[in-house]
Amino acid sequence: MSEKKPEPKLIEEIFERLENIISSLESGDIPLDKSLTLFEEGMTLAESCRSHLNAAEQRVQELMKDKGGLIEEEGES
């Protein structure tokens, strides 16, 4: 049974893993099956990263509203 690395929790860990995946894919020294597996993992991590960033953005907006700050929504001018 192969050991599976625990999924990164911190966004910094996600970025680090994504950088490693990109380096491996760019090297061209890995078999196609492994490349596809890494690509799939990278896509999953990218989605996780997007979720982290969206949650952080939402939290900042909530904090700004709580402090009476004005938040200009996208598309408003």
PDB file of N, CA and C in Angstrom:
ATOM      1  N   MET A   1       0.845  -1.171   0.000  1.00  0.00           N
ATOM      2  CA  MET A   1       0.000   0.000   0.000  1.00  0.00           C
ATOM      3  C   MET A   1       0.895   1.240   0.000  1.00  0.00           C
ATOM      4  N   SER A   2       0.634   2.179  -0.912  1.00  0.00           N
ATOM      5  CA  SER A   2       1.458   3.386  -0.977  1.00  0.00           C
ATOM      6  C   SER A   2       0.937   4.428   0.008  1.00  0.00           C
ATOM      7  N   GLU A   3       1.889   5.155   0.587  1.00  0.00           N
ATOM      8  CA  GLU A   3       1.512   6.204   1.530  1.00  0.00           C
ATOM      9  C   GLU A   3       1.125   7.446   0.756  1.00  0.00           C
ATOM     10  N   LYS A   4       0.020   8.053   1.137  1.00  0.00           N
ATOM     11  CA  LYS A   4      -0.433   9.274   0.499  1.00  0.00           C
ATOM     12  C   LYS A   4      -0.075  10.438   1.405  1.00  0.00           C
ATOM     13  N   LYS A   5       0.520  11.485   0.818  1.00  0.00           N
ATOM     14  CA  LYS A   5       0.874  12.661   1.607  1.00  0.00           C
ATOM     15  C   LYS A   5      -0.403  13.322   2.096  1.00  0.00           C
ATOM     16  N   PRO A   6      -0.380  13.859   3.323  1.00  0.00           N
ATOM     17  CA  PRO A   6      -1.562  14.578   3.791  1.00  0.00           C
ATOM     18  C   PRO A   6      -1.778  15.823   2.939  1.00  0.00           C
ATOM     19  N   GLU A   7      -3.044  16.145   2.708  1.00  0.00           N
ATOM     20  CA  GLU A   7      -3.361  17.321   1.902  1.00  0.00           C
ATOM     21  C   GLU A   7      -2.962  18.586   2.652  1.00  0.00           C
ATOM     22  N   PRO A   8      -2.282  19.516   1.959  1.00  0.00           N
ATOM     23  CA  PRO A   8      -1.864  20.749   2.629  1.00  0.00           C
ATOM     24  C   PRO A   8      -3.060  21.555   3.110  1.00  0.00           C
ATOM     25  N   LYS A   9      -2.910  22.170   4.277  1.00  0.00           N
ATOM     26  CA  LYS A   9      -4.007  22.933   4.866  1.00  0.00           C
ATOM     27  C   LYS A   9      -3.803  24.433   4.700  1.00  0.00           C
ATOM     28  N   LEU A  10      -2.565  24.890   4.860  1.00  0.00           N
ATOM     29  CA  LEU A  10      -2.275  26.311   4.753  1.00  0.00           C
ATOM     30  C   LEU A  10      -2.058  26.690   3.297  1.00  0.00           C
ATOM     31  N   ILE A  11      -2.470  27.904   2.947  1.00  0.00           N
ATOM     32  CA  ILE A  11      -2.331  28.338   1.558  1.00  0.00           C
ATOM     33  C   ILE A  11      -0.867  28.342   1.127  1.00  0.00           C
ATOM     34  N   GLU A  12       0.033  28.640   2.066  1.00  0.00           N
ATOM     35  CA  GLU A  12       1.459  28.615   1.746  1.00  0.00           C
ATOM     36  C   GLU A  12       1.917  27.203   1.384  1.00  0.00           C
ATOM     37  N   GLU A  13       1.377  26.209   2.070  1.00  0.00           N
ATOM     38  CA  GLU A  13       1.698  24.815   1.750  1.00  0.00           C
ATOM     39  C   GLU A  13       1.136  24.432   0.382  1.00  0.00           C
ATOM     40  N   ILE A  14      -0.041  24.951   0.081  1.00  0.00           N
ATOM     41  CA  ILE A  14      -0.656  24.673  -1.219  1.00  0.00           C
ATOM     42  C   ILE A  14       0.207  25.261  -2.332  1.00  0.00           C
ATOM     43  N   PHE A  15       0.629  26.521  -2.162  1.00  0.00           N
ATOM     44  CA  PHE A  15       1.485  27.154  -3.165  1.00  0.00           C
ATOM     45  C   PHE A  15       2.787  26.381  -3.353  1.00  0.00           C
ATOM     46  N   GLU A  16       3.381  25.947  -2.247  1.00  0.00           N
ATOM     47  CA  GLU A  16       4.633  25.197  -2.322  1.00  0.00           C
ATOM     48  C   GLU A  16       4.436  23.894  -3.099  1.00  0.00           C
ATOM     49  N   ARG A  17       3.358  23.182  -2.805  1.00  0.00           N
ATOM     50  CA  ARG A  17       3.091  21.924  -3.504  1.00  0.00           C
ATOM     51  C   ARG A  17       2.823  22.189  -4.990  1.00  0.00           C
ATOM     52  N   LEU A  18       2.067  23.253  -5.290  1.00  0.00           N
ATOM     53  CA  LEU A  18       1.809  23.598  -6.687  1.00  0.00           C
ATOM     54  C   LEU A  18       3.112  23.906  -7.428  1.00  0.00           C
ATOM     55  N   GLU A  19       4.012  24.629  -6.779  1.00  0.00           N
ATOM     56  CA  GLU A  19       5.308  24.930  -7.397  1.00  0.00           C
ATOM     57  C   GLU A  19       6.081  23.648  -7.691  1.00  0.00           C
ATOM     58  N   ASN A  20       6.041  22.699  -6.759  1.00  0.00           N
ATOM     59  CA  ASN A  20       6.722  21.418  -6.969  1.00  0.00           C
ATOM     60  C   ASN A  20       6.108  20.647  -8.136  1.00  0.00           C
ATOM     61  N   ILE A  21       4.795  20.663  -8.207  1.00  0.00           N
ATOM     62  CA  ILE A  21       4.099  19.970  -9.298  1.00  0.00           C
ATOM     63  C   ILE A  21       4.466  20.600 -10.635  1.00  0.00           C
ATOM     64  N   ILE A  22       4.444  21.922 -10.698  1.00  0.00           N
ATOM     65  CA  ILE A  22       4.776  22.623 -11.941  1.00  0.00           C
ATOM     66  C   ILE A  22       6.204  22.299 -12.376  1.00  0.00           C
ATOM     67  N   SER A  23       7.130  22.313 -11.424  1.00  0.00           N
ATOM     68  CA  SER A  23       8.525  21.982 -11.747  1.00  0.00           C
ATOM     69  C   SER A  23       8.639  20.571 -12.313  1.00  0.00           C
ATOM     70  N   SER A  24       7.940  19.636 -11.696  1.00  0.00           N
ATOM     71  CA  SER A  24       7.978  18.248 -12.172  1.00  0.00           C
ATOM     72  C   SER A  24       7.407  18.136 -13.578  1.00  0.00           C
ATOM     73  N   LEU A  25       6.280  18.803 -13.812  1.00  0.00           N
ATOM     74  CA  LEU A  25       5.651  18.737 -15.127  1.00  0.00           C
ATOM     75  C   LEU A  25       6.513  19.410 -16.192  1.00  0.00           C
ATOM     76  N   GLU A  26       7.131  20.534 -15.841  1.00  0.00           N
ATOM     77  CA  GLU A  26       7.965  21.252 -16.801  1.00  0.00           C
ATOM     78  C   GLU A  26       9.254  20.510 -17.126  1.00  0.00           C
ATOM     79  N   SER A  27       9.715  19.664 -16.212  1.00  0.00           N
ATOM     80  CA  SER A  27      10.970  18.940 -16.444  1.00  0.00           C
ATOM     81  C   SER A  27      10.849  17.969 -17.615  1.00  0.00           C
ATOM     82  N   GLY A  28       9.656  17.430 -17.805  1.00  0.00           N
ATOM     83  CA  GLY A  28       9.446  16.484 -18.890  1.00  0.00           C
ATOM     84  C   GLY A  28      10.084  15.126 -18.656  1.00  0.00           C
ATOM     85  N   ASP A  29      10.583  14.900 -17.452  1.00  0.00           N
ATOM     86  CA  ASP A  29      11.286  13.651 -17.141  1.00  0.00           C
ATOM     87  C   ASP A  29      10.399  12.597 -16.487  1.00  0.00           C
ATOM     88  N   ILE A  30       9.106  12.803 -16.482  1.00  0.00           N
ATOM     89  CA  ILE A  30       8.217  11.848 -15.821  1.00  0.00           C
ATOM     90  C   ILE A  30       7.277  11.222 -16.852  1.00  0.00           C
ATOM     91  N   PRO A  31       6.857   9.991 -16.604  1.00  0.00           N
ATOM     92  CA  PRO A  31       5.960   9.307 -17.537  1.00  0.00           C
ATOM     93  C   PRO A  31       4.591   9.999 -17.629  1.00  0.00           C
ATOM     94  N   LEU A  32       3.910   9.731 -18.717  1.00  0.00           N
ATOM     95  CA  LEU A  32       2.614  10.351 -18.979  1.00  0.00           C
ATOM     96  C   LEU A  32       1.621  10.103 -17.849  1.00  0.00           C
ATOM     97  N   ASP A  33       1.519   8.868 -17.373  1.00  0.00           N
ATOM     98  CA  ASP A  33       0.565   8.557 -16.299  1.00  0.00           C
ATOM     99  C   ASP A  33       0.833   9.394 -15.058  1.00  0.00           C
ATOM    100  N   LYS A  34       2.102   9.519 -14.697  1.00  0.00           N
ATOM    101  CA  LYS A  34       2.477  10.324 -13.530  1.00  0.00           C
ATOM    102  C   LYS A  34       2.166  11.803 -13.790  1.00  0.00           C
ATOM    103  N   SER A  35       2.398  12.256 -15.021  1.00  0.00           N
ATOM    104  CA  SER A  35       2.091  13.642 -15.386  1.00  0.00           C
ATOM    105  C   SER A  35       0.606  13.934 -15.219  1.00  0.00           C
ATOM    106  N   LEU A  36      -0.219  13.007 -15.664  1.00  0.00           N
ATOM    107  CA  LEU A  36      -1.666  13.194 -15.542  1.00  0.00           C
ATOM    108  C   LEU A  36      -2.103  13.221 -14.082  1.00  0.00           C
ATOM    109  N   THR A  37      -1.505  12.351 -13.274  1.00  0.00           N
ATOM    110  CA  THR A  37      -1.816  12.325 -11.845  1.00  0.00           C
ATOM    111  C   THR A  37      -1.426  13.644 -11.189  1.00  0.00           C
ATOM    112  N   LEU A  38      -0.228  14.140 -11.519  1.00  0.00           N
ATOM    113  CA  LEU A  38       0.222  15.417 -10.963  1.00  0.00           C
ATOM    114  C   LEU A  38      -0.652  16.572 -11.439  1.00  0.00           C
ATOM    115  N   PHE A  39      -1.036  16.546 -12.712  1.00  0.00           N
ATOM    116  CA  PHE A  39      -1.906  17.592 -13.247  1.00  0.00           C
ATOM    117  C   PHE A  39      -3.235  17.618 -12.501  1.00  0.00           C
ATOM    118  N   GLU A  40      -3.799  16.442 -12.290  1.00  0.00           N
ATOM    119  CA  GLU A  40      -5.069  16.346 -11.561  1.00  0.00           C
ATOM    120  C   GLU A  40      -4.916  16.884 -10.135  1.00  0.00           C
ATOM    121  N   GLU A  41      -3.826  16.514  -9.468  1.00  0.00           N
ATOM    122  CA  GLU A  41      -3.574  17.021  -8.118  1.00  0.00           C
ATOM    123  C   GLU A  41      -3.430  18.540  -8.136  1.00  0.00           C
ATOM    124  N   GLY A  42      -2.728  19.049  -9.135  1.00  0.00           N
ATOM    125  CA  GLY A  42      -2.543  20.492  -9.257  1.00  0.00           C
ATOM    126  C   GLY A  42      -3.863  21.223  -9.436  1.00  0.00           C
ATOM    127  N   MET A  43      -4.740  20.670 -10.247  1.00  0.00           N
ATOM    128  CA  MET A  43      -6.055  21.295 -10.454  1.00  0.00           C
ATOM    129  C   MET A  43      -6.862  21.308  -9.154  1.00  0.00           C
ATOM    130  N   THR A  44      -6.797  20.222  -8.400  1.00  0.00           N
ATOM    131  CA  THR A  44      -7.494  20.145  -7.112  1.00  0.00           C
ATOM    132  C   THR A  44      -6.926  21.171  -6.138  1.00  0.00           C
ATOM    133  N   LEU A  45      -5.598  21.274  -6.096  1.00  0.00           N
ATOM    134  CA  LEU A  45      -4.959  22.245  -5.207  1.00  0.00           C
ATOM    135  C   LEU A  45      -5.280  23.678  -5.627  1.00  0.00           C
ATOM    136  N   ALA A  46      -5.335  23.937  -6.926  1.00  0.00           N
ATOM    137  CA  ALA A  46      -5.673  25.278  -7.412  1.00  0.00           C
ATOM    138  C   ALA A  46      -7.086  25.661  -6.968  1.00  0.00           C
ATOM    139  N   GLU A  47      -8.008  24.720  -7.023  1.00  0.00           N
ATOM    140  CA  GLU A  47      -9.377  24.989  -6.567  1.00  0.00           C
ATOM    141  C   GLU A  47      -9.397  25.251  -5.065  1.00  0.00           C
ATOM    142  N   SER A  48      -8.628  24.484  -4.313  1.00  0.00           N
ATOM    143  CA  SER A  48      -8.528  24.693  -2.869  1.00  0.00           C
ATOM    144  C   SER A  48      -7.957  26.077  -2.576  1.00  0.00           C
ATOM    145  N   CYS A  49      -6.952  26.465  -3.337  1.00  0.00           N
ATOM    146  CA  CYS A  49      -6.336  27.787  -3.182  1.00  0.00           C
ATOM    147  C   CYS A  49      -7.365  28.878  -3.476  1.00  0.00           C
ATOM    148  N   ARG A  50      -8.135  28.700  -4.529  1.00  0.00           N
ATOM    149  CA  ARG A  50      -9.179  29.664  -4.894  1.00  0.00           C
ATOM    150  C   ARG A  50     -10.188  29.797  -3.750  1.00  0.00           C
ATOM    151  N   SER A  51     -10.551  28.691  -3.144  1.00  0.00           N
ATOM    152  CA  SER A  51     -11.492  28.721  -2.020  1.00  0.00           C
ATOM    153  C   SER A  51     -10.906  29.468  -0.827  1.00  0.00           C
ATOM    154  N   HIS A  52      -9.625  29.214  -0.526  1.00  0.00           N
ATOM    155  CA  HIS A  52      -8.951  29.921   0.570  1.00  0.00           C
ATOM    156  C   HIS A  52      -8.964  31.431   0.318  1.00  0.00           C
ATOM    157  N   LEU A  53      -8.623  31.820  -0.914  1.00  0.00           N
ATOM    158  CA  LEU A  53      -8.554  33.245  -1.243  1.00  0.00           C
ATOM    159  C   LEU A  53      -9.932  33.897  -1.207  1.00  0.00           C
ATOM    160  N   ASN A  54     -10.941  33.205  -1.694  1.00  0.00           N
ATOM    161  CA  ASN A  54     -12.306  33.741  -1.641  1.00  0.00           C
ATOM    162  C   ASN A  54     -12.768  33.918  -0.201  1.00  0.00           C
ATOM    163  N   ALA A  55     -12.451  32.953   0.654  1.00  0.00           N
ATOM    164  CA  ALA A  55     -12.827  33.048   2.067  1.00  0.00           C
ATOM    165  C   ALA A  55     -12.107  34.215   2.736  1.00  0.00           C
ATOM    166  N   ALA A  56     -10.836  34.401   2.409  1.00  0.00           N
ATOM    167  CA  ALA A  56     -10.076  35.515   2.985  1.00  0.00           C
ATOM    168  C   ALA A  56     -10.649  36.849   2.522  1.00  0.00           C
ATOM    169  N   GLU A  57     -10.993  36.942   1.246  1.00  0.00           N
ATOM    170  CA  GLU A  57     -11.579  38.175   0.716  1.00  0.00           C
ATOM    171  C   GLU A  57     -12.907  38.483   1.406  1.00  0.00           C
ATOM    172  N   GLN A  58     -13.726  37.467   1.587  1.00  0.00           N
ATOM    173  CA  GLN A  58     -15.011  37.652   2.252  1.00  0.00           C
ATOM    174  C   GLN A  58     -14.808  38.115   3.692  1.00  0.00           C
ATOM    175  N   ARG A  59     -13.844  37.541   4.367  1.00  0.00           N
ATOM    176  CA  ARG A  59     -13.559  37.917   5.759  1.00  0.00           C
ATOM    177  C   ARG A  59     -13.104  39.372   5.847  1.00  0.00           C
ATOM    178  N   VAL A  60     -12.241  39.793   4.926  1.00  0.00           N
ATOM    179  CA  VAL A  60     -11.778  41.186   4.905  1.00  0.00           C
ATOM    180  C   VAL A  60     -12.964  42.120   4.678  1.00  0.00           C
ATOM    181  N   GLN A  61     -13.845  41.763   3.761  1.00  0.00           N
ATOM    182  CA  GLN A  61     -15.022  42.596   3.503  1.00  0.00           C
ATOM    183  C   GLN A  61     -15.900  42.693   4.742  1.00  0.00           C
ATOM    184  N   GLU A  62     -16.080  41.576   5.449  1.00  0.00           N
ATOM    185  CA  GLU A  62     -16.881  41.590   6.675  1.00  0.00           C
ATOM    186  C   GLU A  62     -16.240  42.483   7.729  1.00  0.00           C
ATOM    187  N   LEU A  63     -14.926  42.395   7.874  1.00  0.00           N
ATOM    188  CA  LEU A  63     -14.225  43.222   8.853  1.00  0.00           C
ATOM    189  C   LEU A  63     -14.331  44.702   8.503  1.00  0.00           C
ATOM    190  N   MET A  64     -14.213  45.011   7.224  1.00  0.00           N
ATOM    191  CA  MET A  64     -14.329  46.408   6.795  1.00  0.00           C
ATOM    192  C   MET A  64     -15.732  46.940   7.065  1.00  0.00           C
ATOM    193  N   LYS A  65     -16.738  46.146   6.803  1.00  0.00           N
ATOM    194  CA  LYS A  65     -18.115  46.573   7.051  1.00  0.00           C
ATOM    195  C   LYS A  65     -18.361  46.731   8.541  1.00  0.00           C
ATOM    196  N   ASP A  66     -17.809  45.821   9.344  1.00  0.00           N
ATOM    197  CA  ASP A  66     -17.965  45.902  10.795  1.00  0.00           C
ATOM    198  C   ASP A  66     -17.348  47.171  11.351  1.00  0.00           C
ATOM    199  N   LYS A  67     -16.288  47.648  10.724  1.00  0.00           N
ATOM    200  CA  LYS A  67     -15.600  48.853  11.189  1.00  0.00           C
ATOM    201  C   LYS A  67     -16.147  50.110  10.520  1.00  0.00           C
ATOM    202  N   GLY A  68     -17.232  49.965   9.783  1.00  0.00           N
ATOM    203  CA  GLY A  68     -17.843  51.120   9.135  1.00  0.00           C
ATOM    204  C   GLY A  68     -17.125  51.552   7.873  1.00  0.00           C
ATOM    205  N   GLY A  69     -16.225  50.709   7.387  1.00  0.00           N
ATOM    206  CA  GLY A  69     -15.506  51.034   6.156  1.00  0.00           C
ATOM    207  C   GLY A  69     -16.422  50.876   4.961  1.00  0.00           C
ATOM    208  N   LEU A  70     -16.112  51.604   3.938  1.00  0.00           N
ATOM    209  CA  LEU A  70     -16.897  51.513   2.720  1.00  0.00           C
ATOM    210  C   LEU A  70     -16.243  50.506   1.791  1.00  0.00           C
ATOM    211  N   ILE A  71     -17.025  49.595   1.299  1.00  0.00           N
ATOM    212  CA  ILE A  71     -16.540  48.576   0.379  1.00  0.00           C
ATOM    213  C   ILE A  71     -17.191  48.839  -0.970  1.00  0.00           C
ATOM    214  N   GLU A  72     -16.380  49.024  -1.983  1.00  0.00           N
ATOM    215  CA  GLU A  72     -16.916  49.190  -3.322  1.00  0.00           C
ATOM    216  C   GLU A  72     -16.933  47.827  -3.985  1.00  0.00           C
ATOM    217  N   GLU A  73     -18.111  47.368  -4.337  1.00  0.00           N
ATOM    218  CA  GLU A  73     -18.252  46.060  -4.968  1.00  0.00           C
ATOM    219  C   GLU A  73     -17.719  46.124  -6.387  1.00  0.00           C
ATOM    220  N   GLU A  74     -17.290  44.975  -6.913  1.00  0.00           N
ATOM    221  CA  GLU A  74     -16.804  44.910  -8.284  1.00  0.00           C
ATOM    222  C   GLU A  74     -17.892  45.391  -9.224  1.00  0.00           C
ATOM    223  N   GLY A  75     -17.476  46.157 -10.219  1.00  0.00           N
ATOM    224  CA  GLY A  75     -18.432  46.642 -11.198  1.00  0.00           C
ATOM    225  C   GLY A  75     -19.056  47.972 -10.830  1.00  0.00           C
ATOM    226  N   GLU A  76     -18.885  48.429  -9.606  1.00  0.00           N
ATOM    227  CA  GLU A  76     -19.431  49.717  -9.189  1.00  0.00           C
ATOM    228  C   GLU A  76     -18.375  50.785  -9.390  1.00  0.00           C
ATOM    229  N   SER A  77     -18.794  51.941  -9.891  1.00  0.00           N
ATOM    230  CA  SER A  77     -17.851  53.051 -10.069  1.00  0.00           C
ATOM    231  C   SER A  77     -18.452  54.331  -9.572  1.00  0.00           C
TER     232      SER A  77
END
